[in-house]
Amino acid sequence: MSSHYNSSSSASNDPRQPSSAKPFVAPMVSPQDLPVDYSGFVAVICAVAGVMFRYKLGSWLALIFCAQSLANMKNMENDMKQISMAMMFAIMGLMTNYFGPARPGKQT
């Protein structure tokens, strides 16, 4: 037990010593190795469902998932393309649902 505290190597690597503390440097990760952005993927699926099937809930969910994906963005270039596409589909779905022509057979 005393040999552990008396070794000179542990004293030089002691993180409690301000002189031996080193700042954390995050390792570089390539864009291909980043985890999948599930909220962006769900945003695209909900936005397409909102436009294709005229689901208001799908378009609103797409906007919420777009905001979540924007807040958690890791890769600026690829994620921004996906988020912008989902946002355009969500806005297009909301516009056609609220301001577009009524569905045939549906009375307002």
PDB file of N, CA and C in Angstrom:
ATOM      1  N   MET A   1       0.815  -1.174   0.000  1.00  0.00           N
ATOM      2  CA  MET A   1       0.000   0.000   0.000  1.00  0.00           C
ATOM      3  C   MET A   1       0.869   1.252   0.000  1.00  0.00           C
ATOM      4  N   SER A   2       1.934   1.270   0.775  1.00  0.00           N
ATOM      5  CA  SER A   2       2.791   2.447   0.819  1.00  0.00           C
ATOM      6  C   SER A   2       3.641   2.575  -0.433  1.00  0.00           C
ATOM      7  N   SER A   3       3.881   1.462  -1.147  1.00  0.00           N
ATOM      8  CA  SER A   3       4.694   1.538  -2.351  1.00  0.00           C
ATOM      9  C   SER A   3       3.965   2.297  -3.458  1.00  0.00           C
ATOM     10  N   HIS A   4       2.636   2.243  -3.444  1.00  0.00           N
ATOM     11  CA  HIS A   4       1.877   2.969  -4.464  1.00  0.00           C
ATOM     12  C   HIS A   4       2.033   4.482  -4.300  1.00  0.00           C
ATOM     13  N   TYR A   5       2.069   4.949  -3.093  1.00  0.00           N
ATOM     14  CA  TYR A   5       2.171   6.381  -2.852  1.00  0.00           C
ATOM     15  C   TYR A   5       3.609   6.888  -2.955  1.00  0.00           C
ATOM     16  N   ASN A   6       4.589   5.985  -2.860  1.00  0.00           N
ATOM     17  CA  ASN A   6       5.978   6.415  -2.884  1.00  0.00           C
ATOM     18  C   ASN A   6       6.591   6.402  -4.271  1.00  0.00           C
ATOM     19  N   SER A   7       5.875   5.906  -5.256  1.00  0.00           N
ATOM     20  CA  SER A   7       6.495   5.833  -6.580  1.00  0.00           C
ATOM     21  C   SER A   7       6.581   7.236  -7.188  1.00  0.00           C
ATOM     22  N   SER A   8       7.657   7.494  -7.874  1.00  0.00           N
ATOM     23  CA  SER A   8       7.871   8.820  -8.454  1.00  0.00           C
ATOM     24  C   SER A   8       7.042   9.040  -9.704  1.00  0.00           C
ATOM     25  N   SER A   9       6.672   7.947 -10.418  1.00  0.00           N
ATOM     26  CA  SER A   9       5.890   8.111 -11.637  1.00  0.00           C
ATOM     27  C   SER A   9       4.470   8.577 -11.332  1.00  0.00           C
ATOM     28  N   SER A  10       3.884   8.124 -10.234  1.00  0.00           N
ATOM     29  CA  SER A  10       2.524   8.563  -9.920  1.00  0.00           C
ATOM     30  C   SER A  10       2.516  10.016  -9.454  1.00  0.00           C
ATOM     31  N   ALA A  11       3.603  10.476  -8.876  1.00  0.00           N
ATOM     32  CA  ALA A  11       3.664  11.871  -8.449  1.00  0.00           C
ATOM     33  C   ALA A  11       3.750  12.816  -9.639  1.00  0.00           C
ATOM     34  N   SER A  12       4.431  12.396 -10.692  1.00  0.00           N
ATOM     35  CA  SER A  12       4.542  13.265 -11.864  1.00  0.00           C
ATOM     36  C   SER A  12       3.265  13.267 -12.698  1.00  0.00           C
ATOM     37  N   ASN A  13       2.446  12.220 -12.595  1.00  0.00           N
ATOM     38  CA  ASN A  13       1.202  12.130 -13.350  1.00  0.00           C
ATOM     39  C   ASN A  13      -0.018  12.441 -12.505  1.00  0.00           C
ATOM     40  N   ASP A  14       0.173  13.022 -11.355  1.00  0.00           N
ATOM     41  CA  ASP A  14      -0.928  13.329 -10.457  1.00  0.00           C
ATOM     42  C   ASP A  14      -1.751  14.493 -11.014  1.00  0.00           C
ATOM     43  N   PRO A  15      -3.049  14.271 -11.364  1.00  0.00           N
ATOM     44  CA  PRO A  15      -3.851  15.354 -11.957  1.00  0.00           C
ATOM     45  C   PRO A  15      -4.211  16.454 -10.969  1.00  0.00           C
ATOM     46  N   ARG A  16      -3.955  16.216  -9.682  1.00  0.00           N
ATOM     47  CA  ARG A  16      -4.268  17.256  -8.699  1.00  0.00           C
ATOM     48  C   ARG A  16      -3.197  18.340  -8.663  1.00  0.00           C
ATOM     49  N   GLN A  17      -2.088  18.095  -9.314  1.00  0.00           N
ATOM     50  CA  GLN A  17      -1.020  19.093  -9.377  1.00  0.00           C
ATOM     51  C   GLN A  17      -1.321  20.044 -10.535  1.00  0.00           C
ATOM     52  N   PRO A  18      -1.470  21.328 -10.302  1.00  0.00           N
ATOM     53  CA  PRO A  18      -1.813  22.257 -11.386  1.00  0.00           C
ATOM     54  C   PRO A  18      -0.759  22.298 -12.494  1.00  0.00           C
ATOM     55  N   SER A  19       0.482  22.068 -12.162  1.00  0.00           N
ATOM     56  CA  SER A  19       1.521  22.139 -13.189  1.00  0.00           C
ATOM     57  C   SER A  19       1.470  20.957 -14.146  1.00  0.00           C
ATOM     58  N   SER A  20       0.949  19.801 -13.700  1.00  0.00           N
ATOM     59  CA  SER A  20       0.913  18.637 -14.582  1.00  0.00           C
ATOM     60  C   SER A  20      -0.441  18.446 -15.252  1.00  0.00           C
ATOM     61  N   ALA A  21      -1.417  19.286 -14.961  1.00  0.00           N
ATOM     62  CA  ALA A  21      -2.733  19.172 -15.590  1.00  0.00           C
ATOM     63  C   ALA A  21      -2.664  19.659 -17.032  1.00  0.00           C
ATOM     64  N   LYS A  22      -3.279  18.887 -17.915  1.00  0.00           N
ATOM     65  CA  LYS A  22      -3.305  19.230 -19.339  1.00  0.00           C
ATOM     66  C   LYS A  22      -4.750  19.445 -19.755  1.00  0.00           C
ATOM     67  N   PRO A  23      -5.018  20.420 -20.602  1.00  0.00           N
ATOM     68  CA  PRO A  23      -6.403  20.647 -21.037  1.00  0.00           C
ATOM     69  C   PRO A  23      -6.882  19.505 -21.936  1.00  0.00           C
ATOM     70  N   PHE A  24      -8.185  19.240 -21.876  1.00  0.00           N
ATOM     71  CA  PHE A  24      -8.765  18.178 -22.691  1.00  0.00           C
ATOM     72  C   PHE A  24      -8.830  18.615 -24.148  1.00  0.00           C
ATOM     73  N   VAL A  25      -8.398  17.749 -25.031  1.00  0.00           N
ATOM     74  CA  VAL A  25      -8.479  17.986 -26.462  1.00  0.00           C
ATOM     75  C   VAL A  25      -9.317  16.862 -27.054  1.00  0.00           C
ATOM     76  N   ALA A  26     -10.438  17.219 -27.645  1.00  0.00           N
ATOM     77  CA  ALA A  26     -11.325  16.212 -28.230  1.00  0.00           C
ATOM     78  C   ALA A  26     -10.659  15.578 -29.444  1.00  0.00           C
ATOM     79  N   PRO A  27     -10.793  14.270 -29.601  1.00  0.00           N
ATOM     80  CA  PRO A  27     -10.190  13.623 -30.768  1.00  0.00           C
ATOM     81  C   PRO A  27     -10.931  14.010 -32.045  1.00  0.00           C
ATOM     82  N   MET A  28     -10.199  14.080 -33.125  1.00  0.00           N
ATOM     83  CA  MET A  28     -10.801  14.413 -34.415  1.00  0.00           C
ATOM     84  C   MET A  28     -11.584  13.201 -34.941  1.00  0.00           C
ATOM     85  N   VAL A  29     -12.823  13.438 -35.359  1.00  0.00           N
ATOM     86  CA  VAL A  29     -13.676  12.379 -35.883  1.00  0.00           C
ATOM     87  C   VAL A  29     -14.071  12.770 -37.297  1.00  0.00           C
ATOM     88  N   SER A  30     -13.944  11.828 -38.221  1.00  0.00           N
ATOM     89  CA  SER A  30     -14.316  12.123 -39.603  1.00  0.00           C
ATOM     90  C   SER A  30     -15.842  12.182 -39.727  1.00  0.00           C
ATOM     91  N   PRO A  31     -16.363  12.906 -40.708  1.00  0.00           N
ATOM     92  CA  PRO A  31     -17.827  13.018 -40.858  1.00  0.00           C
ATOM     93  C   PRO A  31     -18.512  11.673 -41.108  1.00  0.00           C
ATOM     94  N   GLN A  32     -17.782  10.707 -41.674  1.00  0.00           N
ATOM     95  CA  GLN A  32     -18.390   9.393 -41.924  1.00  0.00           C
ATOM     96  C   GLN A  32     -18.574   8.605 -40.633  1.00  0.00           C
ATOM     97  N   ASP A  33     -17.791   8.919 -39.598  1.00  0.00           N
ATOM     98  CA  ASP A  33     -17.860   8.170 -38.349  1.00  0.00           C
ATOM     99  C   ASP A  33     -18.805   8.791 -37.325  1.00  0.00           C
ATOM    100  N   LEU A  34     -19.454   9.901 -37.646  1.00  0.00           N
ATOM    101  CA  LEU A  34     -20.376  10.540 -36.713  1.00  0.00           C
ATOM    102  C   LEU A  34     -21.640   9.697 -36.574  1.00  0.00           C
ATOM    103  N   PRO A  35     -22.295   9.738 -35.423  1.00  0.00           N
ATOM    104  CA  PRO A  35     -23.534   8.973 -35.262  1.00  0.00           C
ATOM    105  C   PRO A  35     -24.654   9.540 -36.132  1.00  0.00           C
ATOM    106  N   VAL A  36     -25.635   8.698 -36.406  1.00  0.00           N
ATOM    107  CA  VAL A  36     -26.746   9.068 -37.266  1.00  0.00           C
ATOM    108  C   VAL A  36     -27.626  10.091 -36.550  1.00  0.00           C
ATOM    109  N   ASP A  37     -28.102  11.086 -37.294  1.00  0.00           N
ATOM    110  CA  ASP A  37     -29.004  12.096 -36.744  1.00  0.00           C
ATOM    111  C   ASP A  37     -30.433  11.587 -36.900  1.00  0.00           C
ATOM    112  N   TYR A  38     -30.908  10.890 -35.860  1.00  0.00           N
ATOM    113  CA  TYR A  38     -32.242  10.294 -35.939  1.00  0.00           C
ATOM    114  C   TYR A  38     -33.344  11.333 -35.960  1.00  0.00           C
ATOM    115  N   SER A  39     -33.164  12.440 -35.269  1.00  0.00           N
ATOM    116  CA  SER A  39     -34.220  13.456 -35.265  1.00  0.00           C
ATOM    117  C   SER A  39     -34.354  14.099 -36.650  1.00  0.00           C
ATOM    118  N   GLY A  40     -33.254  14.254 -37.371  1.00  0.00           N
ATOM    119  CA  GLY A  40     -33.331  14.768 -38.737  1.00  0.00           C
ATOM    120  C   GLY A  40     -34.024  13.797 -39.669  1.00  0.00           C
ATOM    121  N   PHE A  41     -33.748  12.504 -39.474  1.00  0.00           N
ATOM    122  CA  PHE A  41     -34.387  11.480 -40.304  1.00  0.00           C
ATOM    123  C   PHE A  41     -35.895  11.429 -40.042  1.00  0.00           C
ATOM    124  N   VAL A  42     -36.285  11.489 -38.772  1.00  0.00           N
ATOM    125  CA  VAL A  42     -37.709  11.481 -38.425  1.00  0.00           C
ATOM    126  C   VAL A  42     -38.385  12.746 -38.944  1.00  0.00           C
ATOM    127  N   ALA A  43     -37.667  13.872 -38.943  1.00  0.00           N
ATOM    128  CA  ALA A  43     -38.225  15.117 -39.473  1.00  0.00           C
ATOM    129  C   ALA A  43     -38.535  14.984 -40.955  1.00  0.00           C
ATOM    130  N   VAL A  44     -37.643  14.362 -41.699  1.00  0.00           N
ATOM    131  CA  VAL A  44     -37.880  14.176 -43.141  1.00  0.00           C
ATOM    132  C   VAL A  44     -39.069  13.251 -43.374  1.00  0.00           C
ATOM    133  N   ILE A  45     -39.149  12.164 -42.619  1.00  0.00           N
ATOM    134  CA  ILE A  45     -40.254  11.213 -42.793  1.00  0.00           C
ATOM    135  C   ILE A  45     -41.590  11.876 -42.453  1.00  0.00           C
ATOM    136  N   CYS A  46     -41.645  12.604 -41.343  1.00  0.00           N
ATOM    137  CA  CYS A  46     -42.889  13.283 -40.958  1.00  0.00           C
ATOM    138  C   CYS A  46     -43.271  14.368 -41.963  1.00  0.00           C
ATOM    139  N   ALA A  47     -42.272  15.087 -42.475  1.00  0.00           N
ATOM    140  CA  ALA A  47     -42.560  16.154 -43.433  1.00  0.00           C
ATOM    141  C   ALA A  47     -43.101  15.581 -44.735  1.00  0.00           C
ATOM    142  N   VAL A  48     -42.520  14.505 -45.203  1.00  0.00           N
ATOM    143  CA  VAL A  48     -43.016  13.886 -46.445  1.00  0.00           C
ATOM    144  C   VAL A  48     -44.420  13.329 -46.227  1.00  0.00           C
ATOM    145  N   ALA A  49     -44.658  12.730 -45.061  1.00  0.00           N
ATOM    146  CA  ALA A  49     -46.007  12.227 -44.766  1.00  0.00           C
ATOM    147  C   ALA A  49     -47.004  13.381 -44.680  1.00  0.00           C
ATOM    148  N   GLY A  50     -46.577  14.518 -44.141  1.00  0.00           N
ATOM    149  CA  GLY A  50     -47.463  15.675 -44.061  1.00  0.00           C
ATOM    150  C   GLY A  50     -47.837  16.213 -45.429  1.00  0.00           C
ATOM    151  N   VAL A  51     -46.893  16.185 -46.354  1.00  0.00           N
ATOM    152  CA  VAL A  51     -47.169  16.691 -47.701  1.00  0.00           C
ATOM    153  C   VAL A  51     -47.954  15.669 -48.516  1.00  0.00           C
ATOM    154  N   MET A  52     -47.508  14.425 -48.502  1.00  0.00           N
ATOM    155  CA  MET A  52     -48.125  13.411 -49.354  1.00  0.00           C
ATOM    156  C   MET A  52     -49.548  13.054 -48.916  1.00  0.00           C
ATOM    157  N   PHE A  53     -49.726  12.868 -47.608  1.00  0.00           N
ATOM    158  CA  PHE A  53     -51.022  12.422 -47.117  1.00  0.00           C
ATOM    159  C   PHE A  53     -51.834  13.541 -46.482  1.00  0.00           C
ATOM    160  N   ARG A  54     -51.301  14.762 -46.527  1.00  0.00           N
ATOM    161  CA  ARG A  54     -51.945  15.955 -45.984  1.00  0.00           C
ATOM    162  C   ARG A  54     -52.269  15.788 -44.507  1.00  0.00           C
ATOM    163  N   TYR A  55     -51.267  15.335 -43.749  1.00  0.00           N
ATOM    164  CA  TYR A  55     -51.384  15.210 -42.299  1.00  0.00           C
ATOM    165  C   TYR A  55     -50.827  16.464 -41.656  1.00  0.00           C
ATOM    166  N   LYS A  56     -51.678  17.188 -40.955  1.00  0.00           N
ATOM    167  CA  LYS A  56     -51.207  18.382 -40.253  1.00  0.00           C
ATOM    168  C   LYS A  56     -50.248  17.997 -39.136  1.00  0.00           C
ATOM    169  N   LEU A  57     -50.559  16.918 -38.438  1.00  0.00           N
ATOM    170  CA  LEU A  57     -49.706  16.473 -37.339  1.00  0.00           C
ATOM    171  C   LEU A  57     -48.311  16.110 -37.831  1.00  0.00           C
ATOM    172  N   GLY A  58     -48.223  15.492 -39.014  1.00  0.00           N
ATOM    173  CA  GLY A  58     -46.918  15.150 -39.578  1.00  0.00           C
ATOM    174  C   GLY A  58     -46.077  16.386 -39.862  1.00  0.00           C
ATOM    175  N   SER A  59     -46.707  17.425 -40.366  1.00  0.00           N
ATOM    176  CA  SER A  59     -45.971  18.664 -40.657  1.00  0.00           C
ATOM    177  C   SER A  59     -45.529  19.355 -39.377  1.00  0.00           C
ATOM    178  N   TRP A  60     -46.386  19.369 -38.363  1.00  0.00           N
ATOM    179  CA  TRP A  60     -46.006  19.999 -37.098  1.00  0.00           C
ATOM    180  C   TRP A  60     -44.893  19.208 -36.404  1.00  0.00           C
ATOM    181  N   LEU A  61     -44.993  17.891 -36.428  1.00  0.00           N
ATOM    182  CA  LEU A  61     -43.920  17.071 -35.853  1.00  0.00           C
ATOM    183  C   LEU A  61     -42.606  17.270 -36.592  1.00  0.00           C
ATOM    184  N   ALA A  62     -42.693  17.445 -37.903  1.00  0.00           N
ATOM    185  CA  ALA A  62     -41.473  17.680 -38.685  1.00  0.00           C
ATOM    186  C   ALA A  62     -40.801  18.978 -38.253  1.00  0.00           C
ATOM    187  N   LEU A  63     -41.592  20.021 -37.991  1.00  0.00           N
ATOM    188  CA  LEU A  63     -41.002  21.276 -37.519  1.00  0.00           C
ATOM    189  C   LEU A  63     -40.337  21.105 -36.154  1.00  0.00           C
ATOM    190  N   ILE A  64     -40.961  20.344 -35.277  1.00  0.00           N
ATOM    191  CA  ILE A  64     -40.386  20.113 -33.947  1.00  0.00           C
ATOM    192  C   ILE A  64     -39.086  19.324 -34.059  1.00  0.00           C
ATOM    193  N   PHE A  65     -39.079  18.271 -34.876  1.00  0.00           N
ATOM    194  CA  PHE A  65     -37.867  17.474 -35.037  1.00  0.00           C
ATOM    195  C   PHE A  65     -36.781  18.248 -35.782  1.00  0.00           C
ATOM    196  N   CYS A  66     -37.163  19.169 -36.654  1.00  0.00           N
ATOM    197  CA  CYS A  66     -36.172  20.030 -37.305  1.00  0.00           C
ATOM    198  C   CYS A  66     -35.478  20.918 -36.282  1.00  0.00           C
ATOM    199  N   ALA A  67     -36.251  21.472 -35.367  1.00  0.00           N
ATOM    200  CA  ALA A  67     -35.657  22.313 -34.321  1.00  0.00           C
ATOM    201  C   ALA A  67     -34.728  21.500 -33.435  1.00  0.00           C
ATOM    202  N   GLN A  68     -35.123  20.281 -33.107  1.00  0.00           N
ATOM    203  CA  GLN A  68     -34.274  19.424 -32.278  1.00  0.00           C
ATOM    204  C   GLN A  68     -32.997  19.054 -33.019  1.00  0.00           C
ATOM    205  N   SER A  69     -33.116  18.740 -34.273  1.00  0.00           N
ATOM    206  CA  SER A  69     -31.943  18.397 -35.059  1.00  0.00           C
ATOM    207  C   SER A  69     -31.016  19.593 -35.236  1.00  0.00           C
ATOM    208  N   LEU A  70     -31.596  20.772 -35.377  1.00  0.00           N
ATOM    209  CA  LEU A  70     -30.797  21.988 -35.501  1.00  0.00           C
ATOM    210  C   LEU A  70     -30.030  22.275 -34.209  1.00  0.00           C
ATOM    211  N   ALA A  71     -30.663  21.996 -33.072  1.00  0.00           N
ATOM    212  CA  ALA A  71     -30.005  22.230 -31.789  1.00  0.00           C
ATOM    213  C   ALA A  71     -28.877  21.241 -31.528  1.00  0.00           C
ATOM    214  N   ASN A  72     -28.986  20.032 -32.063  1.00  0.00           N
ATOM    215  CA  ASN A  72     -27.994  18.986 -31.813  1.00  0.00           C
ATOM    216  C   ASN A  72     -27.097  18.730 -33.017  1.00  0.00           C
ATOM    217  N   MET A  73     -26.936  19.701 -33.887  1.00  0.00           N
ATOM    218  CA  MET A  73     -26.205  19.512 -35.137  1.00  0.00           C
ATOM    219  C   MET A  73     -24.720  19.234 -34.875  1.00  0.00           C
ATOM    220  N   LYS A  74     -24.194  18.185 -35.502  1.00  0.00           N
ATOM    221  CA  LYS A  74     -22.787  17.822 -35.358  1.00  0.00           C
ATOM    222  C   LYS A  74     -21.983  18.198 -36.604  1.00  0.00           C
ATOM    223  N   ASN A  75     -22.477  17.826 -37.760  1.00  0.00           N
ATOM    224  CA  ASN A  75     -21.785  18.082 -39.019  1.00  0.00           C
ATOM    225  C   ASN A  75     -22.557  19.165 -39.767  1.00  0.00           C
ATOM    226  N   MET A  76     -21.954  20.332 -39.895  1.00  0.00           N
ATOM    227  CA  MET A  76     -22.667  21.499 -40.421  1.00  0.00           C
ATOM    228  C   MET A  76     -23.183  21.276 -41.841  1.00  0.00           C
ATOM    229  N   GLU A  77     -22.352  20.746 -42.725  1.00  0.00           N
ATOM    230  CA  GLU A  77     -22.727  20.668 -44.138  1.00  0.00           C
ATOM    231  C   GLU A  77     -23.824  19.630 -44.385  1.00  0.00           C
ATOM    232  N   ASN A  78     -23.616  18.398 -43.940  1.00  0.00           N
ATOM    233  CA  ASN A  78     -24.591  17.342 -44.224  1.00  0.00           C
ATOM    234  C   ASN A  78     -25.883  17.531 -43.448  1.00  0.00           C
ATOM    235  N   ASP A  79     -25.786  17.906 -42.177  1.00  0.00           N
ATOM    236  CA  ASP A  79     -26.992  18.072 -41.376  1.00  0.00           C
ATOM    237  C   ASP A  79     -27.820  19.252 -41.849  1.00  0.00           C
ATOM    238  N   MET A  80     -27.179  20.308 -42.305  1.00  0.00           N
ATOM    239  CA  MET A  80     -27.923  21.484 -42.756  1.00  0.00           C
ATOM    240  C   MET A  80     -28.731  21.178 -44.012  1.00  0.00           C
ATOM    241  N   LYS A  81     -28.193  20.351 -44.896  1.00  0.00           N
ATOM    242  CA  LYS A  81     -28.944  19.951 -46.089  1.00  0.00           C
ATOM    243  C   LYS A  81     -30.200  19.183 -45.690  1.00  0.00           C
ATOM    244  N   GLN A  82     -30.041  18.251 -44.769  1.00  0.00           N
ATOM    245  CA  GLN A  82     -31.171  17.433 -44.340  1.00  0.00           C
ATOM    246  C   GLN A  82     -32.207  18.270 -43.602  1.00  0.00           C
ATOM    247  N   ILE A  83     -31.755  19.151 -42.741  1.00  0.00           N
ATOM    248  CA  ILE A  83     -32.683  19.984 -41.977  1.00  0.00           C
ATOM    249  C   ILE A  83     -33.429  20.942 -42.897  1.00  0.00           C
ATOM    250  N   SER A  84     -32.722  21.536 -43.857  1.00  0.00           N
ATOM    251  CA  SER A  84     -33.391  22.480 -44.763  1.00  0.00           C
ATOM    252  C   SER A  84     -34.422  21.770 -45.634  1.00  0.00           C
ATOM    253  N   MET A  85     -34.125  20.550 -46.069  1.00  0.00           N
ATOM    254  CA  MET A  85     -35.087  19.813 -46.874  1.00  0.00           C
ATOM    255  C   MET A  85     -36.327  19.476 -46.044  1.00  0.00           C
ATOM    256  N   ALA A  86     -36.119  19.015 -44.810  1.00  0.00           N
ATOM    257  CA  ALA A  86     -37.256  18.683 -43.951  1.00  0.00           C
ATOM    258  C   ALA A  86     -38.067  19.925 -43.622  1.00  0.00           C
ATOM    259  N   MET A  87     -37.390  21.047 -43.397  1.00  0.00           N
ATOM    260  CA  MET A  87     -38.092  22.292 -43.082  1.00  0.00           C
ATOM    261  C   MET A  87     -38.937  22.754 -44.272  1.00  0.00           C
ATOM    262  N   MET A  88     -38.398  22.653 -45.476  1.00  0.00           N
ATOM    263  CA  MET A  88     -39.172  23.054 -46.668  1.00  0.00           C
ATOM    264  C   MET A  88     -40.396  22.174 -46.855  1.00  0.00           C
ATOM    265  N   PHE A  89     -40.226  20.860 -46.670  1.00  0.00           N
ATOM    266  CA  PHE A  89     -41.375  19.966 -46.799  1.00  0.00           C
ATOM    267  C   PHE A  89     -42.411  20.236 -45.708  1.00  0.00           C
ATOM    268  N   ALA A  90     -41.950  20.514 -44.493  1.00  0.00           N
ATOM    269  CA  ALA A  90     -42.893  20.779 -43.396  1.00  0.00           C
ATOM    270  C   ALA A  90     -43.681  22.058 -43.654  1.00  0.00           C
ATOM    271  N   ILE A  91     -43.013  23.095 -44.102  1.00  0.00           N
ATOM    272  CA  ILE A  91     -43.709  24.359 -44.390  1.00  0.00           C
ATOM    273  C   ILE A  91     -44.641  24.190 -45.574  1.00  0.00           C
ATOM    274  N   MET A  92     -44.197  23.448 -46.586  1.00  0.00           N
ATOM    275  CA  MET A  92     -45.055  23.193 -47.734  1.00  0.00           C
ATOM    276  C   MET A  92     -46.301  22.408 -47.304  1.00  0.00           C
ATOM    277  N   GLY A  93     -46.139  21.430 -46.414  1.00  0.00           N
ATOM    278  CA  GLY A  93     -47.278  20.656 -45.928  1.00  0.00           C
ATOM    279  C   GLY A  93     -48.237  21.509 -45.133  1.00  0.00           C
ATOM    280  N   LEU A  94     -47.705  22.388 -44.287  1.00  0.00           N
ATOM    281  CA  LEU A  94     -48.580  23.264 -43.507  1.00  0.00           C
ATOM    282  C   LEU A  94     -49.334  24.238 -44.402  1.00  0.00           C
ATOM    283  N   MET A  95     -48.661  24.772 -45.402  1.00  0.00           N
ATOM    284  CA  MET A  95     -49.321  25.715 -46.317  1.00  0.00           C
ATOM    285  C   MET A  95     -50.440  25.030 -47.096  1.00  0.00           C
ATOM    286  N   THR A  96     -50.171  23.833 -47.586  1.00  0.00           N
ATOM    287  CA  THR A  96     -51.225  23.150 -48.362  1.00  0.00           C
ATOM    288  C   THR A  96     -52.356  22.678 -47.458  1.00  0.00           C
ATOM    289  N   ASN A  97     -52.052  22.333 -46.206  1.00  0.00           N
ATOM    290  CA  ASN A  97     -53.110  21.881 -45.295  1.00  0.00           C
ATOM    291  C   ASN A  97     -54.004  23.023 -44.843  1.00  0.00           C
ATOM    292  N   TYR A  98     -53.415  24.162 -44.546  1.00  0.00           N
ATOM    293  CA  TYR A  98     -54.204  25.268 -43.998  1.00  0.00           C
ATOM    294  C   TYR A  98     -54.731  26.231 -45.059  1.00  0.00           C
ATOM    295  N   PHE A  99     -53.982  26.430 -46.142  1.00  0.00           N
ATOM    296  CA  PHE A  99     -54.382  27.420 -47.141  1.00  0.00           C
ATOM    297  C   PHE A  99     -54.708  26.822 -48.500  1.00  0.00           C
ATOM    298  N   GLY A 100     -54.516  25.542 -48.678  1.00  0.00           N
ATOM    299  CA  GLY A 100     -54.751  24.908 -49.967  1.00  0.00           C
ATOM    300  C   GLY A 100     -56.215  24.594 -50.185  1.00  0.00           C
ATOM    301  N   PRO A 101     -56.510  24.016 -51.341  1.00  0.00           N
ATOM    302  CA  PRO A 101     -57.904  23.649 -51.612  1.00  0.00           C
ATOM    303  C   PRO A 101     -58.355  22.532 -50.680  1.00  0.00           C
ATOM    304  N   ALA A 102     -59.665  22.494 -50.425  1.00  0.00           N
ATOM    305  CA  ALA A 102     -60.215  21.470 -49.544  1.00  0.00           C
ATOM    306  C   ALA A 102     -60.147  20.113 -50.218  1.00  0.00           C
ATOM    307  N   ARG A 103     -60.077  19.081 -49.413  1.00  0.00           N
ATOM    308  CA  ARG A 103     -60.056  17.732 -49.950  1.00  0.00           C
ATOM    309  C   ARG A 103     -61.422  17.390 -50.534  1.00  0.00           C
ATOM    310  N   PRO A 104     -61.438  16.604 -51.582  1.00  0.00           N
ATOM    311  CA  PRO A 104     -62.746  16.193 -52.110  1.00  0.00           C
ATOM    312  C   PRO A 104     -63.457  15.277 -51.115  1.00  0.00           C
ATOM    313  N   GLY A 105     -64.722  15.556 -50.876  1.00  0.00           N
ATOM    314  CA  GLY A 105     -65.512  14.744 -49.956  1.00  0.00           C
ATOM    315  C   GLY A 105     -65.406  15.188 -48.521  1.00  0.00           C
ATOM    316  N   LYS A 106     -64.605  16.167 -48.230  1.00  0.00           N
ATOM    317  CA  LYS A 106     -64.479  16.678 -46.864  1.00  0.00           C
ATOM    318  C   LYS A 106     -65.136  18.028 -46.787  1.00  0.00           C
ATOM    319  N   GLN A 107     -66.035  18.171 -45.847  1.00  0.00           N
ATOM    320  CA  GLN A 107     -66.734  19.446 -45.700  1.00  0.00           C
ATOM    321  C   GLN A 107     -66.101  20.222 -44.549  1.00  0.00           C
ATOM    322  N   THR A 108     -65.996  21.540 -44.735  1.00  0.00           N
ATOM    323  CA  THR A 108     -65.429  22.369 -43.679  1.00  0.00           C
ATOM    324  C   THR A 108     -66.475  23.193 -42.989  1.00  0.00           C
TER     325      THR A 108
END
